[in-house]
Amino acid sequence: IAHLEREAEARRLAIAAQTGLMTDLPFQASTFDYVLAFNV
């Protein structure tokens, strides 16, 4: 996450990044239009 935040800042991209568990996602129901889970 720290590396992602550094890269996002360098590229001036807005990304909400956080640590967490895939078995307990900290998001409300029906939030996303697309979810990617690559090698996870």
PDB file of all heavy atoms in Angstrom:
ATOM      1  N   ILE A   1       0.833  -1.209   0.000  1.00  0.00           N
ATOM      2  CA  ILE A   1       0.000   0.000   0.000  1.00  0.00           C
ATOM      3  C   ILE A   1       0.865   1.255   0.000  1.00  0.00           C
ATOM      4  O   ILE A   1       0.576   2.230  -0.708  1.00  0.00           O
ATOM      5  CB  ILE A   1      -0.950  -0.003   1.215  1.00  0.00           C
ATOM      6  CG1 ILE A   1      -1.996  -1.118   1.079  1.00  0.00           C
ATOM      7  CG2 ILE A   1      -1.624   1.349   1.385  1.00  0.00           C
ATOM      8  CD1 ILE A   1      -2.952  -0.944  -0.079  1.00  0.00           C
ATOM      9  N   ALA A   2       1.952   1.250   0.763  1.00  0.00           N
ATOM     10  CA  ALA A   2       2.835   2.415   0.816  1.00  0.00           C
ATOM     11  C   ALA A   2       3.439   2.707  -0.555  1.00  0.00           C
ATOM     12  O   ALA A   2       3.529   3.865  -0.976  1.00  0.00           O
ATOM     13  CB  ALA A   2       3.933   2.194   1.850  1.00  0.00           C
ATOM     14  N   HIS A   3       3.845   1.654  -1.261  1.00  0.00           N
ATOM     15  CA  HIS A   3       4.404   1.850  -2.603  1.00  0.00           C
ATOM     16  C   HIS A   3       3.341   2.402  -3.551  1.00  0.00           C
ATOM     17  O   HIS A   3       3.617   3.322  -4.338  1.00  0.00           O
ATOM     18  CB  HIS A   3       4.959   0.538  -3.147  1.00  0.00           C
ATOM     19  CG  HIS A   3       5.516   0.665  -4.529  1.00  0.00           C
ATOM     20  ND1 HIS A   3       6.767   1.187  -4.784  1.00  0.00           N
ATOM     21  CD2 HIS A   3       4.984   0.362  -5.747  1.00  0.00           C
ATOM     22  CE1 HIS A   3       6.976   1.204  -6.084  1.00  0.00           C
ATOM     23  NE2 HIS A   3       5.913   0.703  -6.691  1.00  0.00           N
ATOM     24  N   LEU A   4       2.141   1.851  -3.484  1.00  0.00           N
ATOM     25  CA  LEU A   4       1.052   2.348  -4.326  1.00  0.00           C
ATOM     26  C   LEU A   4       0.794   3.823  -4.059  1.00  0.00           C
ATOM     27  O   LEU A   4       0.638   4.620  -5.004  1.00  0.00           O
ATOM     28  CB  LEU A   4      -0.214   1.534  -4.069  1.00  0.00           C
ATOM     29  CG  LEU A   4      -1.521   2.105  -4.622  1.00  0.00           C
ATOM     30  CD1 LEU A   4      -1.445   2.337  -6.120  1.00  0.00           C
ATOM     31  CD2 LEU A   4      -2.684   1.191  -4.270  1.00  0.00           C
ATOM     32  N   GLU A   5       0.748   4.215  -2.815  1.00  0.00           N
ATOM     33  CA  GLU A   5       0.470   5.614  -2.487  1.00  0.00           C
ATOM     34  C   GLU A   5       1.560   6.539  -3.021  1.00  0.00           C
ATOM     35  O   GLU A   5       1.266   7.635  -3.511  1.00  0.00           O
ATOM     36  CB  GLU A   5       0.297   5.761  -0.981  1.00  0.00           C
ATOM     37  CG  GLU A   5      -0.989   5.121  -0.467  1.00  0.00           C
ATOM     38  CD  GLU A   5      -1.139   5.211   1.032  1.00  0.00           C
ATOM     39  OE1 GLU A   5      -0.098   5.282   1.733  1.00  0.00           O
ATOM     40  OE2 GLU A   5      -2.280   5.204   1.506  1.00  0.00           O
ATOM     41  N   ARG A   6       2.808   6.095  -2.955  1.00  0.00           N
ATOM     42  CA  ARG A   6       3.902   6.905  -3.513  1.00  0.00           C
ATOM     43  C   ARG A   6       3.759   7.059  -5.022  1.00  0.00           C
ATOM     44  O   ARG A   6       3.933   8.153  -5.575  1.00  0.00           O
ATOM     45  CB  ARG A   6       5.263   6.274  -3.168  1.00  0.00           C
ATOM     46  CG  ARG A   6       5.644   6.334  -1.702  1.00  0.00           C
ATOM     47  CD  ARG A   6       7.099   5.992  -1.487  1.00  0.00           C
ATOM     48  NE  ARG A   6       7.434   4.623  -1.900  1.00  0.00           N
ATOM     49  CZ  ARG A   6       7.355   3.549  -1.116  1.00  0.00           C
ATOM     50  NH1 ARG A   6       6.953   3.681   0.142  1.00  0.00           N
ATOM     51  NH2 ARG A   6       7.703   2.358  -1.556  1.00  0.00           N
ATOM     52  N   GLU A   7       3.445   5.959  -5.690  1.00  0.00           N
ATOM     53  CA  GLU A   7       3.297   5.995  -7.149  1.00  0.00           C
ATOM     54  C   GLU A   7       2.091   6.849  -7.572  1.00  0.00           C
ATOM     55  O   GLU A   7       2.160   7.593  -8.554  1.00  0.00           O
ATOM     56  CB  GLU A   7       3.154   4.575  -7.689  1.00  0.00           C
ATOM     57  CG  GLU A   7       4.449   3.796  -7.737  1.00  0.00           C
ATOM     58  CD  GLU A   7       5.442   4.407  -8.708  1.00  0.00           C
ATOM     59  OE1 GLU A   7       5.078   4.650  -9.878  1.00  0.00           O
ATOM     60  OE2 GLU A   7       6.596   4.672  -8.290  1.00  0.00           O
ATOM     61  N   ALA A   8       0.987   6.699  -6.839  1.00  0.00           N
ATOM     62  CA  ALA A   8      -0.203   7.485  -7.163  1.00  0.00           C
ATOM     63  C   ALA A   8       0.073   8.973  -7.017  1.00  0.00           C
ATOM     64  O   ALA A   8      -0.351   9.785  -7.859  1.00  0.00           O
ATOM     65  CB  ALA A   8      -1.368   7.059  -6.268  1.00  0.00           C
ATOM     66  N   GLU A   9       0.788   9.331  -5.962  1.00  0.00           N
ATOM     67  CA  GLU A   9       1.127  10.744  -5.766  1.00  0.00           C
ATOM     68  C   GLU A   9       2.036  11.245  -6.880  1.00  0.00           C
ATOM     69  O   GLU A   9       1.834  12.343  -7.417  1.00  0.00           O
ATOM     70  CB  GLU A   9       1.804  10.934  -4.411  1.00  0.00           C
ATOM     71  CG  GLU A   9       2.138  12.385  -4.104  1.00  0.00           C
ATOM     72  CD  GLU A   9       2.750  12.583  -2.731  1.00  0.00           C
ATOM     73  OE1 GLU A   9       3.004  11.570  -2.030  1.00  0.00           O
ATOM     74  OE2 GLU A   9       2.978  13.751  -2.348  1.00  0.00           O
ATOM     75  N   ALA A  10       3.015  10.419  -7.266  1.00  0.00           N
ATOM     76  CA  ALA A  10       3.940  10.825  -8.322  1.00  0.00           C
ATOM     77  C   ALA A  10       3.225  11.002  -9.653  1.00  0.00           C
ATOM     78  O   ALA A  10       3.583  11.878 -10.452  1.00  0.00           O
ATOM     79  CB  ALA A  10       5.060   9.789  -8.460  1.00  0.00           C
ATOM     80  N   ARG A  11       2.205  10.195  -9.904  1.00  0.00           N
ATOM     81  CA  ARG A  11       1.468  10.267 -11.171  1.00  0.00           C
ATOM     82  C   ARG A  11       0.233  11.181 -11.081  1.00  0.00           C
ATOM     83  O   ARG A  11      -0.505  11.312 -12.050  1.00  0.00           O
ATOM     84  CB  ARG A  11       1.027   8.864 -11.599  1.00  0.00           C
ATOM     85  CG  ARG A  11       2.162   7.879 -11.791  1.00  0.00           C
ATOM     86  CD  ARG A  11       1.635   6.572 -12.378  1.00  0.00           C
ATOM     87  NE  ARG A  11       2.590   5.497 -12.257  1.00  0.00           N
ATOM     88  CZ  ARG A  11       2.439   4.280 -12.801  1.00  0.00           C
ATOM     89  NH1 ARG A  11       1.331   4.033 -13.504  1.00  0.00           N
ATOM     90  NH2 ARG A  11       3.342   3.341 -12.637  1.00  0.00           N
ATOM     91  N   ARG A  12       0.022  11.754  -9.903  1.00  0.00           N
ATOM     92  CA  ARG A  12      -1.114  12.642  -9.663  1.00  0.00           C
ATOM     93  C   ARG A  12      -2.452  11.925  -9.937  1.00  0.00           C
ATOM     94  O   ARG A  12      -3.345  12.466 -10.598  1.00  0.00           O
ATOM     95  CB  ARG A  12      -0.994  13.915 -10.499  1.00  0.00           C
ATOM     96  CG  ARG A  12       0.240  14.742 -10.140  1.00  0.00           C
ATOM     97  CD  ARG A  12       0.311  16.029 -10.914  1.00  0.00           C
ATOM     98  NE  ARG A  12       1.481  16.816 -10.528  1.00  0.00           N
ATOM     99  CZ  ARG A  12       1.798  17.990 -11.045  1.00  0.00           C
ATOM    100  NH1 ARG A  12       1.016  18.543 -11.981  1.00  0.00           N
ATOM    101  NH2 ARG A  12       2.878  18.625 -10.645  1.00  0.00           N
ATOM    102  N   LEU A  13      -2.535  10.712  -9.395  1.00  0.00           N
ATOM    103  CA  LEU A  13      -3.751   9.915  -9.520  1.00  0.00           C
ATOM    104  C   LEU A  13      -4.423   9.799  -8.162  1.00  0.00           C
ATOM    105  O   LEU A  13      -3.761   9.598  -7.139  1.00  0.00           O
ATOM    106  CB  LEU A  13      -3.416   8.510 -10.041  1.00  0.00           C
ATOM    107  CG  LEU A  13      -2.837   8.431 -11.455  1.00  0.00           C
ATOM    108  CD1 LEU A  13      -2.355   7.018 -11.749  1.00  0.00           C
ATOM    109  CD2 LEU A  13      -3.877   8.860 -12.487  1.00  0.00           C
ATOM    110  N   ALA A  14      -5.729   9.934  -8.139  1.00  0.00           N
ATOM    111  CA  ALA A  14      -6.493   9.826  -6.897  1.00  0.00           C
ATOM    112  C   ALA A  14      -6.908   8.372  -6.694  1.00  0.00           C
ATOM    113  O   ALA A  14      -7.747   7.846  -7.437  1.00  0.00           O
ATOM    114  CB  ALA A  14      -7.720  10.726  -6.949  1.00  0.00           C
ATOM    115  N   ILE A  15      -6.304   7.722  -5.698  1.00  0.00           N
ATOM    116  CA  ILE A  15      -6.627   6.336  -5.372  1.00  0.00           C
ATOM    117  C   ILE A  15      -6.814   6.229  -3.864  1.00  0.00           C
ATOM    118  O   ILE A  15      -5.949   6.657  -3.091  1.00  0.00           O
ATOM    119  CB  ILE A  15      -5.513   5.374  -5.827  1.00  0.00           C
ATOM    120  CG1 ILE A  15      -5.362   5.421  -7.357  1.00  0.00           C
ATOM    121  CG2 ILE A  15      -5.801   3.941  -5.366  1.00  0.00           C
ATOM    122  CD1 ILE A  15      -4.201   4.598  -7.885  1.00  0.00           C
ATOM    123  N   ALA A  16      -7.944   5.676  -3.451  1.00  0.00           N
ATOM    124  CA  ALA A  16      -8.204   5.460  -2.028  1.00  0.00           C
ATOM    125  C   ALA A  16      -7.659   4.079  -1.658  1.00  0.00           C
ATOM    126  O   ALA A  16      -8.294   3.062  -1.939  1.00  0.00           O
ATOM    127  CB  ALA A  16      -9.694   5.544  -1.744  1.00  0.00           C
ATOM    128  N   ALA A  17      -6.480   4.046  -1.062  1.00  0.00           N
ATOM    129  CA  ALA A  17      -5.806   2.791  -0.755  1.00  0.00           C
ATOM    130  C   ALA A  17      -5.772   2.555   0.747  1.00  0.00           C
ATOM    131  O   ALA A  17      -5.583   3.498   1.530  1.00  0.00           O
ATOM    132  CB  ALA A  17      -4.379   2.810  -1.310  1.00  0.00           C
ATOM    133  N   GLN A  18      -5.939   1.292   1.149  1.00  0.00           N
ATOM    134  CA  GLN A  18      -5.926   0.955   2.567  1.00  0.00           C
ATOM    135  C   GLN A  18      -5.592  -0.518   2.771  1.00  0.00           C
ATOM    136  O   GLN A  18      -5.777  -1.335   1.871  1.00  0.00           O
ATOM    137  CB  GLN A  18      -7.286   1.260   3.205  1.00  0.00           C
ATOM    138  CG  GLN A  18      -8.436   0.431   2.665  1.00  0.00           C
ATOM    139  CD  GLN A  18      -9.778   0.904   3.156  1.00  0.00           C
ATOM    140  OE1 GLN A  18     -10.528   1.557   2.416  1.00  0.00           O
ATOM    141  NE2 GLN A  18     -10.106   0.587   4.392  1.00  0.00           N
ATOM    142  N   THR A  19      -5.084  -0.827   3.964  1.00  0.00           N
ATOM    143  CA  THR A  19      -4.870  -2.220   4.325  1.00  0.00           C
ATOM    144  C   THR A  19      -6.185  -2.812   4.825  1.00  0.00           C
ATOM    145  O   THR A  19      -7.043  -2.101   5.349  1.00  0.00           O
ATOM    146  CB  THR A  19      -3.793  -2.365   5.407  1.00  0.00           C
ATOM    147  OG1 THR A  19      -4.172  -1.593   6.556  1.00  0.00           O
ATOM    148  CG2 THR A  19      -2.433  -1.902   4.900  1.00  0.00           C
ATOM    149  N   GLY A  20      -6.326  -4.116   4.635  1.00  0.00           N
ATOM    150  CA  GLY A  20      -7.539  -4.782   5.089  1.00  0.00           C
ATOM    151  C   GLY A  20      -7.550  -6.236   4.664  1.00  0.00           C
ATOM    152  O   GLY A  20      -6.626  -6.709   3.997  1.00  0.00           O
ATOM    153  N   LEU A  21      -8.607  -6.943   5.042  1.00  0.00           N
ATOM    154  CA  LEU A  21      -8.745  -8.361   4.766  1.00  0.00           C
ATOM    155  C   LEU A  21      -9.775  -8.602   3.670  1.00  0.00           C
ATOM    156  O   LEU A  21     -10.843  -7.982   3.667  1.00  0.00           O
ATOM    157  CB  LEU A  21      -9.163  -9.113   6.026  1.00  0.00           C
ATOM    158  CG  LEU A  21      -8.208  -9.046   7.219  1.00  0.00           C
ATOM    159  CD1 LEU A  21      -8.827  -9.759   8.409  1.00  0.00           C
ATOM    160  CD2 LEU A  21      -6.860  -9.669   6.858  1.00  0.00           C
ATOM    161  N   MET A  22      -9.465  -9.540   2.784  1.00  0.00           N
ATOM    162  CA  MET A  22     -10.403  -9.853   1.705  1.00  0.00           C
ATOM    163  C   MET A  22     -11.656 -10.546   2.221  1.00  0.00           C
ATOM    164  O   MET A  22     -12.681 -10.555   1.545  1.00  0.00           O
ATOM    165  CB  MET A  22      -9.714 -10.726   0.652  1.00  0.00           C
ATOM    166  CG  MET A  22      -9.255 -12.088   1.122  1.00  0.00           C
ATOM    167  SD  MET A  22      -8.339 -12.941  -0.199  1.00  0.00           S
ATOM    168  CE  MET A  22      -7.979 -14.514   0.618  1.00  0.00           C
ATOM    169  N   THR A  23     -11.586 -11.130   3.407  1.00  0.00           N
ATOM    170  CA  THR A  23     -12.741 -11.810   3.992  1.00  0.00           C
ATOM    171  C   THR A  23     -13.658 -10.878   4.766  1.00  0.00           C
ATOM    172  O   THR A  23     -14.702 -11.297   5.267  1.00  0.00           O
ATOM    173  CB  THR A  23     -12.262 -12.935   4.931  1.00  0.00           C
ATOM    174  OG1 THR A  23     -11.324 -12.378   5.869  1.00  0.00           O
ATOM    175  CG2 THR A  23     -11.603 -14.059   4.158  1.00  0.00           C
ATOM    176  N   ASP A  24     -13.291  -9.604   4.875  1.00  0.00           N
ATOM    177  CA  ASP A  24     -14.083  -8.638   5.634  1.00  0.00           C
ATOM    178  C   ASP A  24     -13.891  -7.261   5.000  1.00  0.00           C
ATOM    179  O   ASP A  24     -13.200  -6.405   5.548  1.00  0.00           O
ATOM    180  CB  ASP A  24     -13.643  -8.638   7.102  1.00  0.00           C
ATOM    181  CG  ASP A  24     -14.533  -7.783   7.986  1.00  0.00           C
ATOM    182  OD1 ASP A  24     -15.667  -7.461   7.560  1.00  0.00           O
ATOM    183  OD2 ASP A  24     -14.097  -7.420   9.095  1.00  0.00           O
ATOM    184  N   LEU A  25     -14.517  -7.054   3.862  1.00  0.00           N
ATOM    185  CA  LEU A  25     -14.288  -5.832   3.098  1.00  0.00           C
ATOM    186  C   LEU A  25     -14.951  -4.629   3.764  1.00  0.00           C
ATOM    187  O   LEU A  25     -16.131  -4.678   4.111  1.00  0.00           O
ATOM    188  CB  LEU A  25     -14.818  -5.996   1.672  1.00  0.00           C
ATOM    189  CG  LEU A  25     -14.171  -7.110   0.845  1.00  0.00           C
ATOM    190  CD1 LEU A  25     -14.788  -7.164  -0.544  1.00  0.00           C
ATOM    191  CD2 LEU A  25     -12.663  -6.912   0.753  1.00  0.00           C
ATOM    192  N   PRO A  26     -14.216  -3.532   3.921  1.00  0.00           N
ATOM    193  CA  PRO A  26     -14.729  -2.349   4.625  1.00  0.00           C
ATOM    194  C   PRO A  26     -15.522  -1.417   3.722  1.00  0.00           C
ATOM    195  O   PRO A  26     -15.276  -0.205   3.680  1.00  0.00           O
ATOM    196  CB  PRO A  26     -13.445  -1.682   5.130  1.00  0.00           C
ATOM    197  CG  PRO A  26     -12.444  -1.987   4.061  1.00  0.00           C
ATOM    198  CD  PRO A  26     -12.790  -3.377   3.568  1.00  0.00           C
ATOM    199  N   PHE A  27     -16.474  -1.980   2.981  1.00  0.00           N
ATOM    200  CA  PHE A  27     -17.270  -1.196   2.050  1.00  0.00           C
ATOM    201  C   PHE A  27     -18.734  -1.582   2.189  1.00  0.00           C
ATOM    202  O   PHE A  27     -19.066  -2.715   2.534  1.00  0.00           O
ATOM    203  CB  PHE A  27     -16.814  -1.430   0.603  1.00  0.00           C
ATOM    204  CG  PHE A  27     -15.351  -1.217   0.376  1.00  0.00           C
ATOM    205  CD1 PHE A  27     -14.505  -2.294   0.177  1.00  0.00           C
ATOM    206  CD2 PHE A  27     -14.816   0.060   0.367  1.00  0.00           C
ATOM    207  CE1 PHE A  27     -13.148  -2.104  -0.029  1.00  0.00           C
ATOM    208  CE2 PHE A  27     -13.460   0.266   0.170  1.00  0.00           C
ATOM    209  CZ  PHE A  27     -12.619  -0.825  -0.024  1.00  0.00           C
ATOM    210  N   GLN A  28     -19.608  -0.632   1.882  1.00  0.00           N
ATOM    211  CA  GLN A  28     -21.040  -0.891   1.927  1.00  0.00           C
ATOM    212  C   GLN A  28     -21.468  -1.773   0.769  1.00  0.00           C
ATOM    213  O   GLN A  28     -20.766  -1.904  -0.238  1.00  0.00           O
ATOM    214  CB  GLN A  28     -21.812   0.431   1.910  1.00  0.00           C
ATOM    215  CG  GLN A  28     -21.593   1.293   3.140  1.00  0.00           C
ATOM    216  CD  GLN A  28     -22.421   2.560   3.106  1.00  0.00           C
ATOM    217  OE1 GLN A  28     -23.067   2.867   2.111  1.00  0.00           O
ATOM    218  NE2 GLN A  28     -22.414   3.293   4.201  1.00  0.00           N
ATOM    219  N   ALA A  29     -22.627  -2.384   0.903  1.00  0.00           N
ATOM    220  CA  ALA A  29     -23.171  -3.236  -0.147  1.00  0.00           C
ATOM    221  C   ALA A  29     -23.421  -2.428  -1.421  1.00  0.00           C
ATOM    222  O   ALA A  29     -23.715  -1.226  -1.371  1.00  0.00           O
ATOM    223  CB  ALA A  29     -24.465  -3.892   0.323  1.00  0.00           C
ATOM    224  N   SER A  30     -23.267  -3.094  -2.550  1.00  0.00           N
ATOM    225  CA  SER A  30     -23.562  -2.505  -3.863  1.00  0.00           C
ATOM    226  C   SER A  30     -22.794  -1.204  -4.107  1.00  0.00           C
ATOM    227  O   SER A  30     -23.358  -0.214  -4.584  1.00  0.00           O
ATOM    228  CB  SER A  30     -25.071  -2.274  -4.009  1.00  0.00           C
ATOM    229  OG  SER A  30     -25.778  -3.487  -3.881  1.00  0.00           O
ATOM    230  N   THR A  31     -21.510  -1.233  -3.808  1.00  0.00           N
ATOM    231  CA  THR A  31     -20.669  -0.044  -3.966  1.00  0.00           C
ATOM    232  C   THR A  31     -19.998   0.028  -5.331  1.00  0.00           C
ATOM    233  O   THR A  31     -19.867   1.110  -5.912  1.00  0.00           O
ATOM    234  CB  THR A  31     -19.578  -0.008  -2.877  1.00  0.00           C
ATOM    235  OG1 THR A  31     -20.193   0.126  -1.596  1.00  0.00           O
ATOM    236  CG2 THR A  31     -18.602   1.137  -3.085  1.00  0.00           C
ATOM    237  N   PHE A  32     -19.590  -1.124  -5.880  1.00  0.00           N
ATOM    238  CA  PHE A  32     -18.667  -1.116  -7.022  1.00  0.00           C
ATOM    239  C   PHE A  32     -19.306  -1.640  -8.306  1.00  0.00           C
ATOM    240  O   PHE A  32     -20.132  -2.542  -8.300  1.00  0.00           O
ATOM    241  CB  PHE A  32     -17.422  -1.948  -6.696  1.00  0.00           C
ATOM    242  CG  PHE A  32     -16.610  -1.386  -5.563  1.00  0.00           C
ATOM    243  CD1 PHE A  32     -16.634  -1.991  -4.314  1.00  0.00           C
ATOM    244  CD2 PHE A  32     -15.858  -0.243  -5.729  1.00  0.00           C
ATOM    245  CE1 PHE A  32     -15.900  -1.475  -3.260  1.00  0.00           C
ATOM    246  CE2 PHE A  32     -15.119   0.287  -4.689  1.00  0.00           C
ATOM    247  CZ  PHE A  32     -15.141  -0.326  -3.446  1.00  0.00           C
ATOM    248  N   ASP A  33     -18.841  -1.047  -9.421  1.00  0.00           N
ATOM    249  CA  ASP A  33     -19.225  -1.488 -10.761  1.00  0.00           C
ATOM    250  C   ASP A  33     -18.244  -2.514 -11.328  1.00  0.00           C
ATOM    251  O   ASP A  33     -18.550  -3.195 -12.308  1.00  0.00           O
ATOM    252  CB  ASP A  33     -19.274  -0.293 -11.719  1.00  0.00           C
ATOM    253  CG  ASP A  33     -20.251   0.760 -11.239  1.00  0.00           C
ATOM    254  OD1 ASP A  33     -21.462   0.546 -11.359  1.00  0.00           O
ATOM    255  OD2 ASP A  33     -19.784   1.809 -10.724  1.00  0.00           O
ATOM    256  N   TYR A  34     -17.081  -2.609 -10.708  1.00  0.00           N
ATOM    257  CA  TYR A  34     -16.042  -3.528 -11.182  1.00  0.00           C
ATOM    258  C   TYR A  34     -15.144  -3.871 -10.000  1.00  0.00           C
ATOM    259  O   TYR A  34     -14.675  -2.979  -9.291  1.00  0.00           O
ATOM    260  CB  TYR A  34     -15.229  -2.875 -12.300  1.00  0.00           C
ATOM    261  CG  TYR A  34     -13.990  -3.622 -12.747  1.00  0.00           C
ATOM    262  CD1 TYR A  34     -14.081  -4.766 -13.544  1.00  0.00           C
ATOM    263  CD2 TYR A  34     -12.722  -3.175 -12.398  1.00  0.00           C
ATOM    264  CE1 TYR A  34     -12.934  -5.437 -13.976  1.00  0.00           C
ATOM    265  CE2 TYR A  34     -11.570  -3.826 -12.821  1.00  0.00           C
ATOM    266  CZ  TYR A  34     -11.677  -4.955 -13.601  1.00  0.00           C
ATOM    267  OH  TYR A  34     -10.545  -5.618 -14.027  1.00  0.00           O
ATOM    268  N   VAL A  35     -14.916  -5.172  -9.789  1.00  0.00           N
ATOM    269  CA  VAL A  35     -13.968  -5.635  -8.781  1.00  0.00           C
ATOM    270  C   VAL A  35     -12.973  -6.565  -9.456  1.00  0.00           C
ATOM    271  O   VAL A  35     -13.355  -7.502 -10.169  1.00  0.00           O
ATOM    272  CB  VAL A  35     -14.659  -6.358  -7.611  1.00  0.00           C
ATOM    273  CG1 VAL A  35     -13.615  -7.019  -6.705  1.00  0.00           C
ATOM    274  CG2 VAL A  35     -15.500  -5.381  -6.793  1.00  0.00           C
ATOM    275  N   LEU A  36     -11.698  -6.295  -9.223  1.00  0.00           N
ATOM    276  CA  LEU A  36     -10.610  -7.133  -9.711  1.00  0.00           C
ATOM    277  C   LEU A  36      -9.955  -7.829  -8.532  1.00  0.00           C
ATOM    278  O   LEU A  36      -9.659  -7.197  -7.512  1.00  0.00           O
ATOM    279  CB  LEU A  36      -9.577  -6.269 -10.434  1.00  0.00           C
ATOM    280  CG  LEU A  36      -8.276  -6.985 -10.830  1.00  0.00           C
ATOM    281  CD1 LEU A  36      -8.538  -8.009 -11.940  1.00  0.00           C
ATOM    282  CD2 LEU A  36      -7.218  -5.974 -11.258  1.00  0.00           C
ATOM    283  N   ALA A  37      -9.719  -9.135  -8.671  1.00  0.00           N
ATOM    284  CA  ALA A  37      -8.968  -9.890  -7.659  1.00  0.00           C
ATOM    285  C   ALA A  37      -7.983 -10.782  -8.407  1.00  0.00           C
ATOM    286  O   ALA A  37      -8.271 -11.952  -8.679  1.00  0.00           O
ATOM    287  CB  ALA A  37      -9.899 -10.705  -6.781  1.00  0.00           C
ATOM    288  N   PHE A  38      -6.839 -10.226  -8.761  1.00  0.00           N
ATOM    289  CA  PHE A  38      -5.862 -10.928  -9.586  1.00  0.00           C
ATOM    290  C   PHE A  38      -4.828 -11.620  -8.707  1.00  0.00           C
ATOM    291  O   PHE A  38      -4.099 -10.984  -7.964  1.00  0.00           O
ATOM    292  CB  PHE A  38      -5.172  -9.938 -10.538  1.00  0.00           C
ATOM    293  CG  PHE A  38      -4.522 -10.594 -11.732  1.00  0.00           C
ATOM    294  CD1 PHE A  38      -5.215 -10.730 -12.926  1.00  0.00           C
ATOM    295  CD2 PHE A  38      -3.237 -11.094 -11.651  1.00  0.00           C
ATOM    296  CE1 PHE A  38      -4.627 -11.345 -14.024  1.00  0.00           C
ATOM    297  CE2 PHE A  38      -2.640 -11.707 -12.732  1.00  0.00           C
ATOM    298  CZ  PHE A  38      -3.325 -11.838 -13.928  1.00  0.00           C
ATOM    299  N   ASN A  39      -4.790 -12.950  -8.778  1.00  0.00           N
ATOM    300  CA  ASN A  39      -3.857 -13.769  -7.983  1.00  0.00           C
ATOM    301  C   ASN A  39      -4.013 -13.508  -6.482  1.00  0.00           C
ATOM    302  O   ASN A  39      -3.027 -13.314  -5.768  1.00  0.00           O
ATOM    303  CB  ASN A  39      -2.409 -13.509  -8.404  1.00  0.00           C
ATOM    304  CG  ASN A  39      -2.107 -14.041  -9.785  1.00  0.00           C
ATOM    305  OD1 ASN A  39      -2.974 -14.623 -10.436  1.00  0.00           O
ATOM    306  ND2 ASN A  39      -0.890 -13.855 -10.247  1.00  0.00           N
ATOM    307  N   VAL A  40      -5.255 -13.539  -6.003  1.00  0.00           N
ATOM    308  CA  VAL A  40      -5.520 -13.144  -4.618  1.00  0.00           C
ATOM    309  C   VAL A  40      -6.338 -14.165  -3.845  1.00  0.00           C
ATOM    310  O   VAL A  40      -5.889 -14.679  -2.811  1.00  0.00           O
ATOM    311  CB  VAL A  40      -6.268 -11.781  -4.579  1.00  0.00           C
ATOM    312  CG1 VAL A  40      -6.612 -11.393  -3.149  1.00  0.00           C
ATOM    313  CG2 VAL A  40      -5.434 -10.704  -5.234  1.00  0.00           C
TER     314      VAL A  40
END
